[in-house]
Protein backbone atom coordinates (compact mmCIF):
# COMPACT_ATOMS: atom_id res chain seq x y z
CA MET A 1 38.08 242.00 186.15
CA LEU A 2 36.05 242.90 189.22
CA LYS A 3 38.28 244.26 192.01
CA PHE A 4 35.89 246.10 194.30
CA ALA A 5 32.20 245.84 195.18
CA ILE A 6 29.78 248.06 197.09
CA PHE A 7 26.53 246.55 198.32
CA ASP A 8 23.25 248.14 199.25
CA LEU A 9 21.88 246.42 202.35
CA ASP A 10 18.07 246.53 202.55
CA GLY A 11 16.46 244.56 199.75
CA THR A 12 19.80 243.61 198.20
CA LEU A 13 21.68 241.62 200.85
CA LEU A 14 19.11 241.63 203.65
CA ASN A 15 15.55 240.35 203.31
CA SER A 16 14.26 243.42 205.15
CA THR A 17 11.75 244.77 202.63
CA PRO A 18 8.76 243.03 204.31
CA MET A 19 9.59 244.69 207.64
CA TRP A 20 9.70 248.17 206.14
CA GLU A 21 6.48 247.53 204.21
CA GLN A 22 4.68 246.40 207.38
CA LEU A 23 6.26 248.73 209.96
CA GLY A 24 3.56 251.40 209.97
CA ALA A 25 0.69 248.91 209.88
CA ARG A 26 2.22 246.85 212.70
CA TYR A 27 2.67 249.95 214.82
CA LEU A 28 -0.91 251.08 214.26
CA SER A 29 -2.22 247.58 214.94
CA ASN A 30 -0.50 247.65 218.34
CA LEU A 31 -2.55 250.78 219.06
CA GLY A 32 -5.81 249.20 217.88
CA LYS A 33 -5.94 251.14 214.62
CA THR A 34 -6.26 249.92 211.04
CA ALA A 35 -3.82 251.19 208.43
CA GLU A 36 -4.94 252.60 205.09
CA PRO A 37 -4.26 250.18 202.18
CA ASP A 38 -1.47 252.28 200.66
CA LEU A 39 0.27 253.26 203.90
CA ALA A 40 3.45 251.38 203.01
CA GLN A 41 3.83 253.30 199.75
CA LYS A 42 3.31 256.62 201.53
CA LEU A 43 5.83 255.86 204.27
CA ASN A 44 8.37 254.50 201.79
CA ALA A 45 8.91 258.00 200.45
CA LEU A 46 9.48 259.46 203.94
CA SER A 47 12.22 259.30 206.52
CA LEU A 48 11.38 257.59 209.82
CA GLU A 49 10.99 261.02 211.44
CA GLU A 50 8.71 262.27 208.66
CA GLY A 51 6.73 259.04 208.86
CA ALA A 52 6.19 259.56 212.58
CA ARG A 53 4.73 263.00 211.92
CA TYR A 54 2.47 261.59 209.21
CA LEU A 55 1.16 258.81 211.46
CA ARG A 56 0.44 261.23 214.29
CA SER A 57 -1.49 263.59 212.02
CA ARG A 58 -3.31 261.05 209.86
CA TYR A 59 -4.39 258.73 212.67
CA GLU A 60 -4.79 261.37 215.41
CA LEU A 61 -2.43 259.55 217.76
CA SER A 62 -2.05 260.76 221.32
CA PHE A 63 1.75 260.39 221.29
CA SER A 64 3.98 263.23 220.13
CA ALA A 65 5.82 262.85 216.82
CA GLU A 66 9.06 262.47 218.81
CA GLU A 67 7.57 259.62 220.86
CA ILE A 68 6.26 257.86 217.75
CA HIS A 69 9.69 258.20 216.15
CA ARG A 70 11.25 256.55 219.21
CA HIS A 71 8.68 253.75 219.10
CA LEU A 72 9.37 253.07 215.41
CA THR A 73 13.11 253.20 216.02
CA ARG A 74 12.84 250.60 218.77
CA MET A 75 10.84 248.33 216.46
CA THR A 76 13.49 248.55 213.73
CA GLU A 77 16.32 248.06 216.23
CA ASP A 78 14.70 244.89 217.53
CA TYR A 79 14.23 243.60 213.99
CA TYR A 80 17.81 244.18 212.86
CA THR A 81 19.27 242.90 216.11
CA ASN A 82 17.17 239.74 216.36
CA GLU A 83 15.19 238.87 213.23
CA VAL A 84 16.44 240.03 209.83
CA ARG A 85 17.91 237.38 207.55
CA LEU A 86 20.22 237.39 204.56
CA LYS A 87 18.55 237.04 201.19
CA ASP A 88 18.85 233.70 199.44
CA ASP A 89 22.37 233.07 198.07
CA ALA A 90 23.81 236.23 199.68
CA ALA A 91 26.34 234.23 201.70
CA LYS A 92 27.33 232.26 198.60
CA LEU A 93 27.87 235.47 196.62
CA LEU A 94 29.97 237.09 199.34
CA ALA A 95 32.10 233.96 199.70
CA LEU A 96 32.65 233.83 195.94
CA LEU A 97 33.78 237.43 195.81
CA ARG A 98 36.12 237.05 198.77
CA ALA A 99 37.63 233.94 197.21
CA ARG A 100 38.45 236.10 194.17
CA CYS A 101 40.01 238.78 196.43
CA VAL A 102 37.29 241.32 195.71
CA HIS A 103 37.24 243.99 198.43
CA MET A 104 33.74 244.90 199.60
CA SER A 105 31.94 247.64 201.51
CA ILE A 106 28.36 248.69 202.25
CA ALA A 107 26.41 251.81 201.23
CA THR A 108 23.17 251.87 203.21
CA ALA A 109 20.30 254.29 203.66
CA GLY A 110 19.86 252.92 207.17
CA SER A 111 21.74 253.03 210.44
CA GLU A 112 25.42 252.06 210.37
CA ARG A 113 25.11 250.72 213.92
CA LEU A 114 22.17 248.48 213.06
CA ALA A 115 23.83 247.36 209.84
CA TRP A 116 26.86 246.14 211.79
CA ALA A 117 24.58 244.50 214.37
CA ALA A 118 22.67 242.57 211.72
CA LEU A 119 25.72 241.55 209.71
CA SER A 120 27.59 240.45 212.84
CA ARG A 121 24.70 238.29 214.03
CA LEU A 122 24.45 236.73 210.56
CA GLY A 123 28.18 236.02 210.37
CA ALA A 124 28.69 238.37 207.42
CA ALA A 125 30.42 241.39 208.97
CA ASP A 126 33.95 240.17 208.20
CA PHE A 127 33.31 240.32 204.47
CA PHE A 128 33.24 244.12 204.51
CA GLY A 129 35.90 246.78 204.91
CA GLY A 130 33.40 249.33 206.19
CA ILE A 131 29.91 250.78 206.02
CA ALA A 132 28.92 254.21 204.69
CA SER A 133 25.46 255.38 205.77
CA CYS A 134 23.15 257.99 204.33
CA GLU A 135 22.84 259.21 207.92
CA ASN A 136 26.25 260.81 207.35
CA TYR A 137 26.32 261.41 203.60
CA GLY A 138 22.76 262.23 202.56
CA SER A 139 20.32 260.49 200.26
CA LYS A 140 21.37 258.06 197.54
CA ARG A 141 20.12 260.63 195.06
CA SER A 142 23.61 262.05 195.60
CA PRO A 143 26.72 259.90 194.92
CA ASP A 144 28.42 260.90 198.18
CA VAL A 145 27.55 257.72 200.07
CA TYR A 146 28.90 255.56 197.24
CA LEU A 147 32.08 257.58 197.01
CA ALA A 148 32.51 257.25 200.77
CA ALA A 149 31.96 253.48 200.56
CA ALA A 150 34.58 253.32 197.80
CA ASP A 151 37.05 255.27 199.93
CA LEU A 152 36.64 252.70 202.71
CA ILE A 153 38.17 250.04 200.45
CA TYR A 154 40.54 252.38 198.55
CA ALA A 155 38.60 251.98 195.32
CA LEU A 156 37.87 254.20 192.34
CA PRO A 157 34.39 254.28 190.77
CA GLU A 158 35.59 252.99 187.42
CA GLU A 159 36.94 249.78 189.02
CA THR A 160 34.00 249.19 191.36
CA ALA A 161 30.62 247.46 190.96
CA VAL A 162 27.63 248.74 192.94
CA PHE A 163 24.92 246.18 193.75
CA GLU A 164 21.51 247.81 194.23
CA ASP A 165 17.79 247.06 194.04
CA SER A 166 16.24 250.52 193.50
CA LEU A 167 16.08 252.47 190.26
CA PHE A 168 17.05 255.90 191.59
CA ALA A 169 20.06 254.45 193.43
CA VAL A 170 21.25 252.64 190.31
CA GLN A 171 20.87 255.86 188.33
CA THR A 172 22.97 257.75 190.88
CA ALA A 173 25.76 255.17 190.97
CA HIS A 174 25.75 254.91 187.18
CA ARG A 175 26.15 258.67 186.78
CA ALA A 176 29.05 258.62 189.25
CA GLY A 177 30.98 256.20 187.05
CA PHE A 178 30.40 252.93 188.88
CA THR A 179 29.48 249.68 187.14
CA THR A 180 25.94 248.92 188.30
CA VAL A 181 24.45 245.52 189.05
CA ALA A 182 20.69 245.66 189.66
CA VAL A 183 19.09 242.85 191.64
CA LYS A 184 15.32 242.44 191.57
CA ASP A 185 13.40 243.12 194.79
CA VAL A 186 9.70 243.73 195.37
CA SER A 187 10.48 247.19 196.75
CA GLU A 188 11.14 248.48 193.21
CA SER A 189 8.02 248.63 191.04
CA ASN A 190 9.71 249.73 187.80
CA GLN A 191 11.75 246.66 186.92
CA THR A 192 11.71 247.52 183.22
CA ALA A 193 13.53 250.81 183.79
CA LEU A 194 15.85 249.17 186.30
CA LYS A 195 16.83 246.55 183.75
CA THR A 196 17.55 249.09 181.02
CA THR A 197 19.45 251.47 183.32
CA ALA A 198 21.83 249.05 185.02
CA ASP A 199 24.92 247.61 183.35
CA PHE A 200 23.86 244.16 184.56
CA TYR A 201 20.48 242.93 185.81
CA ALA A 202 19.61 239.79 187.74
CA GLU A 203 16.37 238.31 189.01
CA SER A 204 18.10 237.05 192.16
CA LEU A 205 21.44 236.85 193.94
CA GLY A 206 21.65 233.25 192.78
CA GLU A 207 21.62 234.53 189.20
CA VAL A 208 24.42 236.95 190.11
CA VAL A 209 26.46 234.03 191.46
CA GLU A 210 25.98 232.16 188.18
CA MET A 211 26.85 235.22 186.12
CA LEU A 212 30.03 235.94 188.07
CA GLY A 213 31.00 232.28 188.02
CA GLU A 214 30.99 232.39 184.25
CA ILE A 215 32.96 235.65 184.19
CA PHE A 216 35.58 234.33 186.62
CA LYS A 217 36.14 231.27 184.44
CA LYS A 218 37.33 233.43 181.55
């Protein structure tokens, strides 16, 4: 029986993938420049700071890398504070888990502060016992952020499900002993590997709700 759950935020609970895919192009457009077709893929592999350095070098921008990083940060802050929405059926899933007394936390690659801001605005903050951010625990290629998120709700890996949308994150959580639930998002191109790696795979959060509903009936 599911007792604890850890959720990834971007692409799993929040419909933020389009923002991250368009961030570099939107920034360049504001400066009157046209982005290369594969800019999103290039920036996806970089931190925001690394991306700022890439944009400055590739597009010969007059701003320093530090200034570009601040500009990009302000754009993301505005998005999380004012625009980002929950993915379809996320609220229904969270309500179902809370009704079954499942304790939940967040493991995010992004800012803890912005995560709380977005969840509070969307009325979802009270579902979670805490947020662990890769800002403090390193990349999700290491299990530390998941272990920290588990500690926030006094959970052990073997009794906790991790909900994720990216292959490498699912692989990390799986190796650390967590049950893994992969949810399809356009940010992950290798859905075949994701499906075979995770303990459970769903095309949407609505499918997760249906799956858990059946499990909870037993």
